[in-house]
Amino acid sequence: MTNKLKRILLVDDSREFNYLNNYIIKKNGCTDHIQVAENGQQALDILNLGIKETNLFPDLILLDLNMPCINGWEFMEAFKELKFDQKDEIIIVILSSSINPEDKTRAEKIKEVSGFVNKPLTPEKFNILLKEHFNSTPGHTDKFSSNKKGNAHQFMPSLSISDLYRKLNFLQENNVAKKNRKPLFFSY
């Protein structure tokens, strides 16, 4: 295993996608610290806490666009105004279900945004993201490689990706996440 990321911040109002993304990141092994913010304001609060008290910042932010309170675009505007030394070291990747090509074009014009990935995040997409932005896979190399035949059991022994997506769809269709809200801030 190569160097791990210090922490990853997931910014998404969908508990289902946060669960899925957390699962993929944990199985990759690229970090021991995953933080979740359910909107842009919570993400800004986490960054401001780092500025004022902890000096802990994520290496990677996976940012959804369409969220309540402060959306992804508004978060980016506020992020530009933040002042701290580690700011330029943070990789921000838009992770969105938007199929609007204007969103991708808009993201490309923001210098602080390093990439745009369409949901859902998959192990393969995550490995590509790590290789592109960190020049290597910080976690277990080839753990999710699609070049290896029949390796699904190696990284998801108890639940296949298709089962995970079925559960995700069930939760979304039945609106389970809204009925069972957890506290605003949580870490996995």
N, C-alpha and C. Protein backbone atom coordinates (compact mmCIF):
# COMPACT_ATOMS: atom_id res chain seq x y z
N MET A 1 0.85 -1.17 0.00
CA MET A 1 0.00 0.00 0.00
C MET A 1 0.89 1.24 0.00
N THR A 2 0.53 2.22 -0.81
CA THR A 2 1.27 3.47 -0.86
C THR A 2 0.68 4.44 0.16
N ASN A 3 1.07 5.71 0.08
CA ASN A 3 0.61 6.70 1.05
C ASN A 3 -0.91 6.82 1.07
N LYS A 4 -1.45 6.94 2.27
CA LYS A 4 -2.89 7.14 2.41
C LYS A 4 -3.20 8.62 2.42
N LEU A 5 -4.42 8.95 1.99
CA LEU A 5 -4.90 10.32 2.13
C LEU A 5 -5.23 10.56 3.60
N LYS A 6 -5.03 11.80 4.05
CA LYS A 6 -5.32 12.11 5.46
C LYS A 6 -6.81 11.98 5.74
N ARG A 7 -7.63 12.57 4.85
CA ARG A 7 -9.07 12.48 5.03
C ARG A 7 -9.77 12.85 3.73
N ILE A 8 -10.99 12.35 3.60
CA ILE A 8 -11.85 12.64 2.45
C ILE A 8 -13.15 13.21 2.99
N LEU A 9 -13.64 14.26 2.35
CA LEU A 9 -14.91 14.88 2.72
C LEU A 9 -15.93 14.61 1.62
N LEU A 10 -17.02 13.93 1.98
CA LEU A 10 -18.14 13.70 1.07
C LEU A 10 -19.18 14.77 1.33
N VAL A 11 -19.58 15.50 0.30
CA VAL A 11 -20.59 16.55 0.45
C VAL A 11 -21.76 16.19 -0.44
N ASP A 12 -22.80 15.64 0.17
CA ASP A 12 -23.96 15.16 -0.59
C ASP A 12 -25.14 15.04 0.36
N ASP A 13 -26.31 15.46 -0.08
CA ASP A 13 -27.50 15.37 0.77
C ASP A 13 -28.14 13.99 0.72
N SER A 14 -27.67 13.11 -0.15
CA SER A 14 -28.25 11.77 -0.27
C SER A 14 -27.53 10.80 0.66
N ARG A 15 -28.23 10.33 1.66
CA ARG A 15 -27.64 9.34 2.58
C ARG A 15 -27.29 8.06 1.83
N GLU A 16 -28.10 7.74 0.83
CA GLU A 16 -27.85 6.52 0.07
C GLU A 16 -26.51 6.61 -0.66
N PHE A 17 -26.28 7.74 -1.35
CA PHE A 17 -25.01 7.90 -2.05
C PHE A 17 -23.86 8.04 -1.06
N ASN A 18 -24.07 8.69 0.07
CA ASN A 18 -23.01 8.77 1.08
C ASN A 18 -22.64 7.37 1.58
N TYR A 19 -23.64 6.53 1.77
CA TYR A 19 -23.39 5.15 2.21
C TYR A 19 -22.58 4.41 1.15
N LEU A 20 -23.02 4.50 -0.10
CA LEU A 20 -22.34 3.82 -1.20
C LEU A 20 -20.91 4.34 -1.35
N ASN A 21 -20.73 5.64 -1.36
CA ASN A 21 -19.40 6.23 -1.54
C ASN A 21 -18.49 5.87 -0.37
N ASN A 22 -19.02 5.91 0.83
CA ASN A 22 -18.25 5.52 2.01
C ASN A 22 -17.79 4.07 1.89
N TYR A 23 -18.68 3.21 1.45
CA TYR A 23 -18.37 1.78 1.29
C TYR A 23 -17.22 1.59 0.30
N ILE A 24 -17.31 2.26 -0.84
CA ILE A 24 -16.28 2.14 -1.88
C ILE A 24 -14.94 2.67 -1.37
N ILE A 25 -14.97 3.81 -0.71
CA ILE A 25 -13.72 4.41 -0.20
C ILE A 25 -13.10 3.53 0.88
N LYS A 26 -13.92 3.02 1.80
CA LYS A 26 -13.39 2.15 2.86
C LYS A 26 -12.78 0.89 2.27
N LYS A 27 -13.45 0.28 1.31
CA LYS A 27 -12.93 -0.94 0.70
C LYS A 27 -11.65 -0.67 -0.07
N ASN A 28 -11.49 0.53 -0.59
CA ASN A 28 -10.26 0.89 -1.29
C ASN A 28 -9.10 0.99 -0.32
N GLY A 29 -9.36 1.45 0.88
CA GLY A 29 -8.32 1.56 1.89
C GLY A 29 -7.41 2.76 1.74
N CYS A 30 -7.85 3.78 0.99
CA CYS A 30 -6.99 4.94 0.71
C CYS A 30 -6.96 5.96 1.84
N THR A 31 -7.87 5.85 2.81
CA THR A 31 -7.89 6.77 3.94
C THR A 31 -8.53 6.09 5.14
N ASP A 32 -8.20 6.59 6.31
CA ASP A 32 -8.84 6.11 7.53
C ASP A 32 -9.88 7.09 8.04
N HIS A 33 -9.99 8.25 7.39
CA HIS A 33 -10.89 9.30 7.87
C HIS A 33 -11.79 9.79 6.75
N ILE A 34 -13.09 9.50 6.88
CA ILE A 34 -14.09 9.97 5.93
C ILE A 34 -15.07 10.84 6.71
N GLN A 35 -15.24 12.07 6.26
CA GLN A 35 -16.22 12.97 6.88
C GLN A 35 -17.35 13.17 5.88
N VAL A 36 -18.55 13.40 6.40
CA VAL A 36 -19.72 13.61 5.56
C VAL A 36 -20.40 14.91 5.95
N ALA A 37 -20.72 15.70 4.94
CA ALA A 37 -21.53 16.90 5.11
C ALA A 37 -22.73 16.75 4.19
N GLU A 38 -23.92 17.05 4.69
CA GLU A 38 -25.13 16.85 3.90
C GLU A 38 -25.51 18.06 3.05
N ASN A 39 -24.71 19.12 3.11
CA ASN A 39 -24.92 20.27 2.24
C ASN A 39 -23.66 21.13 2.28
N GLY A 40 -23.64 22.14 1.44
CA GLY A 40 -22.47 23.00 1.35
C GLY A 40 -22.16 23.76 2.63
N GLN A 41 -23.20 24.13 3.38
CA GLN A 41 -22.96 24.85 4.63
C GLN A 41 -22.22 23.98 5.64
N GLN A 42 -22.63 22.74 5.76
CA GLN A 42 -21.93 21.83 6.67
C GLN A 42 -20.48 21.64 6.24
N ALA A 43 -20.24 21.55 4.94
CA ALA A 43 -18.87 21.41 4.44
C ALA A 43 -18.04 22.64 4.79
N LEU A 44 -18.62 23.81 4.62
CA LEU A 44 -17.92 25.05 4.99
C LEU A 44 -17.65 25.09 6.49
N ASP A 45 -18.60 24.61 7.29
CA ASP A 45 -18.40 24.56 8.74
C ASP A 45 -17.22 23.66 9.10
N ILE A 46 -17.10 22.54 8.41
CA ILE A 46 -15.98 21.62 8.65
C ILE A 46 -14.66 22.30 8.28
N LEU A 47 -14.63 22.98 7.14
CA LEU A 47 -13.40 23.68 6.73
C LEU A 47 -13.07 24.82 7.68
N ASN A 48 -14.08 25.57 8.10
CA ASN A 48 -13.85 26.67 9.04
C ASN A 48 -13.35 26.17 10.39
N LEU A 49 -13.83 25.00 10.82
CA LEU A 49 -13.32 24.40 12.05
C LEU A 49 -11.83 24.09 11.89
N GLY A 50 -11.46 23.60 10.72
CA GLY A 50 -10.04 23.35 10.45
C GLY A 50 -9.23 24.62 10.48
N ILE A 51 -9.78 25.69 9.92
CA ILE A 51 -9.07 26.97 9.90
C ILE A 51 -8.89 27.51 11.32
N LYS A 52 -9.94 27.46 12.12
CA LYS A 52 -9.92 28.10 13.44
C LYS A 52 -9.32 27.24 14.55
N GLU A 53 -9.48 25.91 14.45
CA GLU A 53 -9.12 25.08 15.60
C GLU A 53 -8.22 23.90 15.28
N THR A 54 -8.64 23.03 14.40
CA THR A 54 -7.98 21.72 14.29
C THR A 54 -6.82 21.67 13.31
N ASN A 55 -6.80 22.57 12.33
CA ASN A 55 -5.80 22.54 11.25
C ASN A 55 -5.84 21.22 10.48
N LEU A 56 -7.01 20.57 10.47
CA LEU A 56 -7.21 19.33 9.72
C LEU A 56 -8.09 19.63 8.52
N PHE A 57 -7.59 19.25 7.36
CA PHE A 57 -8.32 19.51 6.12
C PHE A 57 -8.34 18.25 5.27
N PRO A 58 -9.37 18.09 4.45
CA PRO A 58 -9.40 16.92 3.57
C PRO A 58 -8.40 17.07 2.43
N ASP A 59 -7.89 15.94 1.98
CA ASP A 59 -7.08 15.93 0.76
C ASP A 59 -7.99 15.96 -0.45
N LEU A 60 -9.19 15.38 -0.29
CA LEU A 60 -10.13 15.24 -1.39
C LEU A 60 -11.53 15.58 -0.91
N ILE A 61 -12.23 16.40 -1.70
CA ILE A 61 -13.64 16.69 -1.47
C ILE A 61 -14.42 16.19 -2.68
N LEU A 62 -15.39 15.30 -2.43
CA LEU A 62 -16.32 14.86 -3.48
C LEU A 62 -17.60 15.65 -3.26
N LEU A 63 -17.93 16.52 -4.20
CA LEU A 63 -18.96 17.54 -4.03
C LEU A 63 -20.14 17.33 -4.96
N ASP A 64 -21.32 17.14 -4.39
CA ASP A 64 -22.55 17.10 -5.17
C ASP A 64 -22.94 18.53 -5.53
N LEU A 65 -23.75 18.69 -6.55
CA LEU A 65 -24.18 20.03 -6.96
C LEU A 65 -25.52 20.42 -6.37
N ASN A 66 -26.50 19.54 -6.48
CA ASN A 66 -27.87 19.87 -6.09
C ASN A 66 -28.13 19.43 -4.66
N MET A 67 -28.07 20.41 -3.75
CA MET A 67 -28.28 20.15 -2.32
C MET A 67 -29.07 21.31 -1.72
N PRO A 68 -29.74 21.05 -0.59
CA PRO A 68 -30.44 22.15 0.08
C PRO A 68 -29.45 23.05 0.82
N CYS A 69 -29.94 24.15 1.29
CA CYS A 69 -29.18 25.11 2.09
C CYS A 69 -28.15 25.82 1.22
N ILE A 70 -27.01 25.24 1.02
CA ILE A 70 -25.99 25.78 0.11
C ILE A 70 -25.64 24.66 -0.87
N ASN A 71 -25.87 24.90 -2.16
CA ASN A 71 -25.59 23.86 -3.15
C ASN A 71 -24.10 23.84 -3.50
N GLY A 72 -23.73 22.95 -4.41
CA GLY A 72 -22.32 22.82 -4.77
C GLY A 72 -21.72 24.07 -5.39
N TRP A 73 -22.48 24.76 -6.23
CA TRP A 73 -21.97 25.99 -6.85
C TRP A 73 -21.75 27.07 -5.80
N GLU A 74 -22.71 27.21 -4.89
CA GLU A 74 -22.58 28.21 -3.82
C GLU A 74 -21.41 27.86 -2.89
N PHE A 75 -21.23 26.56 -2.65
CA PHE A 75 -20.08 26.13 -1.84
C PHE A 75 -18.78 26.58 -2.51
N MET A 76 -18.68 26.39 -3.82
CA MET A 76 -17.45 26.76 -4.53
C MET A 76 -17.19 28.26 -4.43
N GLU A 77 -18.23 29.07 -4.53
CA GLU A 77 -18.06 30.53 -4.39
C GLU A 77 -17.53 30.88 -3.00
N ALA A 78 -18.09 30.25 -1.98
CA ALA A 78 -17.64 30.50 -0.60
C ALA A 78 -16.23 29.94 -0.38
N PHE A 79 -15.94 28.78 -0.97
CA PHE A 79 -14.61 28.17 -0.82
C PHE A 79 -13.53 29.09 -1.37
N LYS A 80 -13.82 29.75 -2.48
CA LYS A 80 -12.84 30.67 -3.08
C LYS A 80 -12.45 31.78 -2.11
N GLU A 81 -13.37 32.17 -1.24
CA GLU A 81 -13.14 33.27 -0.30
C GLU A 81 -12.40 32.83 0.97
N LEU A 82 -12.34 31.53 1.22
CA LEU A 82 -11.66 31.05 2.43
C LEU A 82 -10.16 31.31 2.32
N LYS A 83 -9.55 31.59 3.46
CA LYS A 83 -8.12 31.87 3.48
C LYS A 83 -7.44 30.93 4.47
N PHE A 84 -6.66 29.98 3.92
CA PHE A 84 -5.84 29.10 4.74
C PHE A 84 -4.75 28.49 3.85
N ASP A 85 -3.61 28.17 4.45
CA ASP A 85 -2.43 27.76 3.71
C ASP A 85 -2.62 26.48 2.89
N GLN A 86 -3.40 25.54 3.39
CA GLN A 86 -3.56 24.24 2.73
C GLN A 86 -4.60 24.24 1.62
N LYS A 87 -5.21 25.36 1.37
CA LYS A 87 -6.33 25.44 0.41
C LYS A 87 -5.97 24.89 -0.97
N ASP A 88 -4.80 25.24 -1.48
CA ASP A 88 -4.41 24.81 -2.82
C ASP A 88 -4.08 23.32 -2.89
N GLU A 89 -3.93 22.68 -1.76
CA GLU A 89 -3.62 21.25 -1.72
C GLU A 89 -4.88 20.38 -1.79
N ILE A 90 -6.05 20.98 -1.60
CA ILE A 90 -7.30 20.22 -1.59
C ILE A 90 -7.77 19.99 -3.02
N ILE A 91 -8.02 18.73 -3.33
CA ILE A 91 -8.57 18.36 -4.63
C ILE A 91 -10.09 18.32 -4.48
N ILE A 92 -10.79 19.08 -5.32
CA ILE A 92 -12.25 19.09 -5.31
C ILE A 92 -12.73 18.48 -6.61
N VAL A 93 -13.53 17.42 -6.49
CA VAL A 93 -14.11 16.76 -7.65
C VAL A 93 -15.62 16.82 -7.51
N ILE A 94 -16.27 17.33 -8.53
CA ILE A 94 -17.74 17.33 -8.57
C ILE A 94 -18.19 15.90 -8.82
N LEU A 95 -19.07 15.40 -7.96
CA LEU A 95 -19.65 14.07 -8.11
C LEU A 95 -21.16 14.27 -8.19
N SER A 96 -21.69 14.23 -9.41
CA SER A 96 -23.07 14.66 -9.61
C SER A 96 -23.84 13.72 -10.52
N SER A 97 -25.13 13.68 -10.32
CA SER A 97 -26.01 12.93 -11.22
C SER A 97 -26.51 13.80 -12.36
N SER A 98 -26.04 15.03 -12.42
CA SER A 98 -26.46 15.96 -13.47
C SER A 98 -26.02 15.46 -14.84
N ILE A 99 -26.95 15.46 -15.78
CA ILE A 99 -26.60 15.11 -17.16
C ILE A 99 -26.56 16.36 -18.04
N ASN A 100 -26.69 17.51 -17.41
CA ASN A 100 -26.66 18.77 -18.12
C ASN A 100 -25.21 19.10 -18.50
N PRO A 101 -24.89 19.15 -19.80
CA PRO A 101 -23.51 19.45 -20.21
C PRO A 101 -23.03 20.81 -19.73
N GLU A 102 -23.95 21.73 -19.48
CA GLU A 102 -23.57 23.05 -18.98
C GLU A 102 -22.95 22.97 -17.58
N ASP A 103 -23.37 21.99 -16.78
CA ASP A 103 -22.78 21.83 -15.45
C ASP A 103 -21.31 21.45 -15.56
N LYS A 104 -21.01 20.52 -16.46
CA LYS A 104 -19.61 20.11 -16.64
C LYS A 104 -18.78 21.28 -17.18
N THR A 105 -19.33 22.02 -18.13
CA THR A 105 -18.63 23.18 -18.69
C THR A 105 -18.39 24.22 -17.61
N ARG A 106 -19.40 24.46 -16.80
CA ARG A 106 -19.26 25.44 -15.71
C ARG A 106 -18.18 25.00 -14.72
N ALA A 107 -18.17 23.71 -14.39
CA ALA A 107 -17.17 23.19 -13.46
C ALA A 107 -15.76 23.34 -14.01
N GLU A 108 -15.60 23.12 -15.31
CA GLU A 108 -14.28 23.23 -15.94
C GLU A 108 -13.73 24.65 -15.87
N LYS A 109 -14.61 25.64 -15.74
CA LYS A 109 -14.18 27.04 -15.69
C LYS A 109 -13.76 27.47 -14.28
N ILE A 110 -14.00 26.63 -13.29
CA ILE A 110 -13.64 26.97 -11.91
C ILE A 110 -12.28 26.35 -11.61
N LYS A 111 -11.28 27.19 -11.41
CA LYS A 111 -9.91 26.67 -11.27
C LYS A 111 -9.74 25.77 -10.05
N GLU A 112 -10.55 25.96 -9.02
CA GLU A 112 -10.44 25.13 -7.82
C GLU A 112 -11.04 23.73 -8.01
N VAL A 113 -11.82 23.53 -9.06
CA VAL A 113 -12.42 22.22 -9.33
C VAL A 113 -11.46 21.42 -10.20
N SER A 114 -11.11 20.24 -9.71
CA SER A 114 -10.13 19.41 -10.40
C SER A 114 -10.74 18.37 -11.32
N GLY A 115 -12.04 18.10 -11.17
CA GLY A 115 -12.65 17.08 -12.02
C GLY A 115 -14.15 17.03 -11.86
N PHE A 116 -14.77 16.25 -12.74
CA PHE A 116 -16.23 16.07 -12.75
C PHE A 116 -16.48 14.59 -13.01
N VAL A 117 -17.16 13.93 -12.08
CA VAL A 117 -17.47 12.50 -12.20
C VAL A 117 -18.97 12.34 -12.09
N ASN A 118 -19.55 11.57 -12.98
CA ASN A 118 -20.98 11.30 -12.92
C ASN A 118 -21.27 10.21 -11.90
N LYS A 119 -22.35 10.41 -11.13
CA LYS A 119 -22.81 9.38 -10.20
C LYS A 119 -23.39 8.22 -11.00
N PRO A 120 -23.36 7.06 -10.44
CA PRO A 120 -22.82 6.70 -9.14
C PRO A 120 -21.31 6.49 -9.21
N LEU A 121 -20.65 6.74 -8.09
CA LEU A 121 -19.24 6.44 -7.97
C LEU A 121 -19.10 4.92 -7.96
N THR A 122 -18.15 4.42 -8.71
CA THR A 122 -17.86 2.98 -8.72
C THR A 122 -16.42 2.80 -8.27
N PRO A 123 -16.05 1.59 -7.90
CA PRO A 123 -14.64 1.36 -7.54
C PRO A 123 -13.69 1.74 -8.67
N GLU A 124 -14.08 1.45 -9.90
CA GLU A 124 -13.23 1.79 -11.05
C GLU A 124 -13.09 3.30 -11.21
N LYS A 125 -14.20 4.02 -11.12
CA LYS A 125 -14.15 5.48 -11.23
C LYS A 125 -13.30 6.07 -10.11
N PHE A 126 -13.42 5.51 -8.91
CA PHE A 126 -12.67 6.04 -7.78
C PHE A 126 -11.17 5.81 -7.97
N ASN A 127 -10.80 4.63 -8.45
CA ASN A 127 -9.38 4.37 -8.70
C ASN A 127 -8.82 5.30 -9.77
N ILE A 128 -9.59 5.56 -10.82
CA ILE A 128 -9.15 6.49 -11.86
C ILE A 128 -8.96 7.88 -11.26
N LEU A 129 -9.90 8.30 -10.45
CA LEU A 129 -9.82 9.61 -9.79
C LEU A 129 -8.55 9.70 -8.95
N LEU A 130 -8.26 8.67 -8.18
CA LEU A 130 -7.06 8.67 -7.34
C LEU A 130 -5.79 8.73 -8.18
N LYS A 131 -5.77 7.96 -9.25
CA LYS A 131 -4.58 7.95 -10.11
C LYS A 131 -4.38 9.30 -10.80
N GLU A 132 -5.47 9.91 -11.25
CA GLU A 132 -5.38 11.20 -11.94
C GLU A 132 -4.94 12.33 -11.03
N HIS A 133 -5.45 12.36 -9.82
CA HIS A 133 -5.23 13.52 -8.96
C HIS A 133 -4.17 13.33 -7.88
N PHE A 134 -3.77 12.09 -7.65
CA PHE A 134 -2.75 11.85 -6.63
C PHE A 134 -1.56 11.07 -7.20
N ASN A 135 -1.50 10.95 -8.52
CA ASN A 135 -0.40 10.30 -9.24
C ASN A 135 -0.17 8.85 -8.85
N SER A 136 -1.03 8.30 -8.08
CA SER A 136 -0.96 6.88 -7.73
C SER A 136 -2.25 6.55 -7.01
N THR A 137 -2.43 5.28 -6.75
CA THR A 137 -3.58 4.88 -5.97
C THR A 137 -3.15 4.83 -4.52
N PRO A 138 -3.62 5.78 -3.69
CA PRO A 138 -3.20 5.79 -2.29
C PRO A 138 -3.59 4.53 -1.52
N GLY A 139 -4.60 3.84 -1.96
CA GLY A 139 -5.04 2.64 -1.25
C GLY A 139 -4.36 1.40 -1.78
N HIS A 140 -5.06 0.31 -1.72
CA HIS A 140 -4.54 -0.96 -2.19
C HIS A 140 -4.53 -0.97 -3.71
N THR A 141 -3.38 -1.09 -4.31
CA THR A 141 -3.30 -1.07 -5.76
C THR A 141 -3.98 -2.30 -6.34
N ASP A 142 -4.68 -2.09 -7.44
CA ASP A 142 -5.39 -3.13 -8.18
C ASP A 142 -6.50 -3.82 -7.38
N LYS A 143 -6.86 -3.26 -6.24
CA LYS A 143 -7.89 -3.90 -5.43
C LYS A 143 -9.22 -3.96 -6.17
N PHE A 144 -9.51 -2.94 -6.96
CA PHE A 144 -10.76 -2.89 -7.70
C PHE A 144 -10.54 -3.00 -9.19
N SER A 145 -9.39 -3.40 -9.60
CA SER A 145 -9.06 -3.40 -11.02
C SER A 145 -10.03 -4.27 -11.81
N SER A 146 -10.54 -3.71 -12.90
CA SER A 146 -11.43 -4.49 -13.76
C SER A 146 -10.63 -5.36 -14.71
N ASN A 147 -9.29 -5.22 -14.73
CA ASN A 147 -8.46 -6.05 -15.59
C ASN A 147 -8.33 -7.47 -15.04
N LYS A 148 -8.53 -7.64 -13.76
CA LYS A 148 -8.47 -8.96 -13.16
C LYS A 148 -9.84 -9.60 -13.32
N LYS A 149 -9.85 -10.81 -13.82
CA LYS A 149 -11.13 -11.49 -13.99
C LYS A 149 -11.54 -12.16 -12.69
N GLY A 150 -12.81 -12.02 -12.39
CA GLY A 150 -13.37 -12.71 -11.23
C GLY A 150 -12.84 -12.24 -9.89
N ASN A 151 -12.54 -10.97 -9.74
CA ASN A 151 -11.99 -10.50 -8.47
C ASN A 151 -13.03 -9.84 -7.58
N ALA A 152 -14.30 -9.90 -7.92
CA ALA A 152 -15.32 -9.22 -7.12
C ALA A 152 -15.31 -9.71 -5.68
N HIS A 153 -15.06 -10.99 -5.48
CA HIS A 153 -15.05 -11.52 -4.11
C HIS A 153 -13.93 -10.94 -3.27
N GLN A 154 -12.89 -10.40 -3.89
CA GLN A 154 -11.75 -9.88 -3.15
C GLN A 154 -12.09 -8.58 -2.43
N PHE A 155 -12.99 -7.79 -2.97
CA PHE A 155 -13.25 -6.51 -2.34
C PHE A 155 -14.65 -6.36 -1.80
N MET A 156 -15.55 -7.26 -2.10
CA MET A 156 -16.90 -7.20 -1.55
C MET A 156 -17.37 -8.61 -1.22
N PRO A 157 -16.81 -9.20 -0.20
CA PRO A 157 -17.13 -10.59 0.10
C PRO A 157 -18.58 -10.82 0.48
N SER A 158 -19.24 -9.86 1.09
CA SER A 158 -20.59 -10.10 1.58
C SER A 158 -21.69 -9.44 0.76
N LEU A 159 -21.33 -8.55 -0.15
CA LEU A 159 -22.35 -7.81 -0.89
C LEU A 159 -21.80 -7.42 -2.26
N SER A 160 -22.48 -7.82 -3.31
CA SER A 160 -22.02 -7.46 -4.65
C SER A 160 -22.44 -6.03 -4.96
N ILE A 161 -21.79 -5.44 -5.96
CA ILE A 161 -22.15 -4.08 -6.38
C ILE A 161 -23.61 -4.04 -6.81
N SER A 162 -24.06 -5.05 -7.55
CA SER A 162 -25.46 -5.03 -8.00
C SER A 162 -26.42 -5.09 -6.81
N ASP A 163 -26.08 -5.88 -5.78
CA ASP A 163 -26.91 -5.90 -4.57
C ASP A 163 -26.90 -4.55 -3.87
N LEU A 164 -25.73 -3.93 -3.82
CA LEU A 164 -25.62 -2.61 -3.20
C LEU A 164 -26.46 -1.58 -3.95
N TYR A 165 -26.42 -1.60 -5.28
CA TYR A 165 -27.24 -0.68 -6.07
C TYR A 165 -28.73 -0.96 -5.90
N ARG A 166 -29.11 -2.24 -5.79
CA ARG A 166 -30.51 -2.56 -5.55
C ARG A 166 -30.97 -1.98 -4.21
N LYS A 167 -30.13 -2.13 -3.19
CA LYS A 167 -30.47 -1.57 -1.88
C LYS A 167 -30.55 -0.05 -1.95
N LEU A 168 -29.63 0.56 -2.68
CA LEU A 168 -29.63 2.01 -2.86
C LEU A 168 -30.93 2.45 -3.53
N ASN A 169 -31.31 1.78 -4.61
CA ASN A 169 -32.55 2.12 -5.31
C ASN A 169 -33.77 1.94 -4.41
N PHE A 170 -33.78 0.86 -3.62
CA PHE A 170 -34.88 0.63 -2.70
C PHE A 170 -35.01 1.79 -1.71
N LEU A 171 -33.88 2.19 -1.13
CA LEU A 171 -33.90 3.29 -0.17
C LEU A 171 -34.39 4.58 -0.81
N GLN A 172 -33.93 4.85 -2.03
CA GLN A 172 -34.37 6.07 -2.70
C GLN A 172 -35.85 6.02 -3.02
N GLU A 173 -36.33 4.89 -3.53
CA GLU A 173 -37.73 4.77 -3.90
C GLU A 173 -38.66 4.87 -2.69
N ASN A 174 -38.22 4.35 -1.58
CA ASN A 174 -39.05 4.33 -0.38
C ASN A 174 -38.77 5.49 0.55
N ASN A 175 -37.89 6.38 0.11
CA ASN A 175 -37.61 7.59 0.86
C ASN A 175 -37.20 7.31 2.31
N VAL A 176 -36.49 6.20 2.51
CA VAL A 176 -36.11 5.77 3.85
C VAL A 176 -35.19 6.79 4.50
N ALA A 177 -34.32 7.39 3.73
CA ALA A 177 -33.33 8.31 4.31
C ALA A 177 -34.00 9.50 4.99
N LYS A 178 -35.06 10.02 4.42
CA LYS A 178 -35.72 11.19 5.00
C LYS A 178 -36.47 10.84 6.28
N LYS A 179 -36.91 9.58 6.39
CA LYS A 179 -37.63 9.16 7.59
C LYS A 179 -36.69 8.90 8.76
N ASN A 180 -35.45 8.55 8.46
CA ASN A 180 -34.51 8.15 9.50
C ASN A 180 -33.29 9.05 9.51
N ARG A 181 -33.47 10.33 9.64
CA ARG A 181 -32.36 11.29 9.63
C ARG A 181 -31.47 11.10 10.86
N LYS A 182 -30.18 11.15 10.62
CA LYS A 182 -29.18 11.11 11.68
C LYS A 182 -28.75 12.54 11.97
N PRO A 183 -27.88 12.74 12.96
CA PRO A 183 -27.38 14.09 13.24
C PRO A 183 -26.72 14.70 12.00
N LEU A 184 -26.64 16.02 11.96
CA LEU A 184 -26.13 16.72 10.79
C LEU A 184 -24.71 16.31 10.42
N PHE A 185 -23.82 16.21 11.38
CA PHE A 185 -22.44 15.84 11.10
C PHE A 185 -22.22 14.40 11.54
N PHE A 186 -21.60 13.63 10.69
CA PHE A 186 -21.21 12.30 11.12
C PHE A 186 -20.02 11.85 10.31
N SER A 187 -19.22 11.00 10.91
CA SER A 187 -18.06 10.42 10.25
C SER A 187 -18.21 8.92 10.29
N TYR A 188 -17.76 8.29 9.25
CA TYR A 188 -17.82 6.83 9.21
C TYR A 188 -16.56 6.24 9.79
